[in-house]
């Protein structure tokens, strides 16, 4: 958990091993998350 976009909401980063994809989920601030699929922080 961390606030990668500095909006005050905790976002979720899931790191995987063995050549599997990592996942970043942005907290929408309303109890839901959006999967982030682009950018340097994702894979």
C-alpha atoms as a PDB file:
ATOM      1  CA  UNK A   1       0.000   0.000   0.000  1.00  0.00           C
ATOM      2  CA  UNK A   2       1.154   3.507  -0.783  1.00  0.00           C
ATOM      3  CA  UNK A   3      -0.050   6.760  -2.298  1.00  0.00           C
ATOM      4  CA  UNK A   4       1.721   6.733  -5.656  1.00  0.00           C
ATOM      5  CA  UNK A   5      -0.283   9.641  -7.113  1.00  0.00           C
ATOM      6  CA  UNK A   6      -0.252  11.874  -3.996  1.00  0.00           C
ATOM      7  CA  UNK A   7      -4.043  12.258  -3.825  1.00  0.00           C
ATOM      8  CA  UNK A   8      -4.293  11.187  -0.164  1.00  0.00           C
ATOM      9  CA  UNK A   9      -5.821   7.765  -0.954  1.00  0.00           C
ATOM     10  CA  UNK A  10      -3.893   4.522  -0.459  1.00  0.00           C
ATOM     11  CA  UNK A  11      -3.188   2.731  -3.742  1.00  0.00           C
ATOM     12  CA  UNK A  12      -2.239  -0.947  -4.055  1.00  0.00           C
ATOM     13  CA  UNK A  13       0.869  -2.349  -5.774  1.00  0.00           C
ATOM     14  CA  UNK A  14       1.148  -6.128  -6.167  1.00  0.00           C
ATOM     15  CA  UNK A  15       4.679  -7.334  -6.969  1.00  0.00           C
ATOM     16  CA  UNK A  16       5.128 -10.771  -8.499  1.00  0.00           C
ATOM     17  CA  UNK A  17       8.146 -12.909  -9.263  1.00  0.00           C
ATOM     18  CA  UNK A  18       9.243 -15.375 -11.897  1.00  0.00           C
ATOM     19  CA  UNK A  19       8.583 -13.164 -14.952  1.00  0.00           C
ATOM     20  CA  UNK A  20       4.946 -12.541 -13.977  1.00  0.00           C
ATOM     21  CA  UNK A  21       3.416  -9.088 -14.347  1.00  0.00           C
ATOM     22  CA  UNK A  22       3.208  -6.637 -11.457  1.00  0.00           C
ATOM     23  CA  UNK A  23      -0.092  -4.848 -10.832  1.00  0.00           C
ATOM     24  CA  UNK A  24      -0.910  -1.315  -9.714  1.00  0.00           C
ATOM     25  CA  UNK A  25      -4.407  -0.378  -8.583  1.00  0.00           C
ATOM     26  CA  UNK A  26      -5.299   3.298  -8.140  1.00  0.00           C
ATOM     27  CA  UNK A  27      -7.737   4.083  -5.334  1.00  0.00           C
ATOM     28  CA  UNK A  28     -10.698   6.006  -6.784  1.00  0.00           C
ATOM     29  CA  UNK A  29     -11.565   7.435  -3.365  1.00  0.00           C
ATOM     30  CA  UNK A  30     -15.010   5.839  -3.306  1.00  0.00           C
ATOM     31  CA  UNK A  31     -14.174   2.285  -2.224  1.00  0.00           C
ATOM     32  CA  UNK A  32     -13.200   1.103  -5.704  1.00  0.00           C
ATOM     33  CA  UNK A  33      -9.899   0.719  -7.559  1.00  0.00           C
ATOM     34  CA  UNK A  34      -8.811   1.152 -11.190  1.00  0.00           C
ATOM     35  CA  UNK A  35      -6.076  -1.036 -12.629  1.00  0.00           C
ATOM     36  CA  UNK A  36      -3.152   1.009 -13.987  1.00  0.00           C
ATOM     37  CA  UNK A  37      -1.563  -0.728 -16.966  1.00  0.00           C
ATOM     38  CA  UNK A  38       0.898   1.866 -18.294  1.00  0.00           C
ATOM     39  CA  UNK A  39       3.784   3.895 -16.919  1.00  0.00           C
ATOM     40  CA  UNK A  40       7.250   3.253 -15.587  1.00  0.00           C
ATOM     41  CA  UNK A  41       6.033   1.985 -12.213  1.00  0.00           C
ATOM     42  CA  UNK A  42       4.138  -0.902 -13.840  1.00  0.00           C
ATOM     43  CA  UNK A  43       6.534  -3.606 -15.088  1.00  0.00           C
END
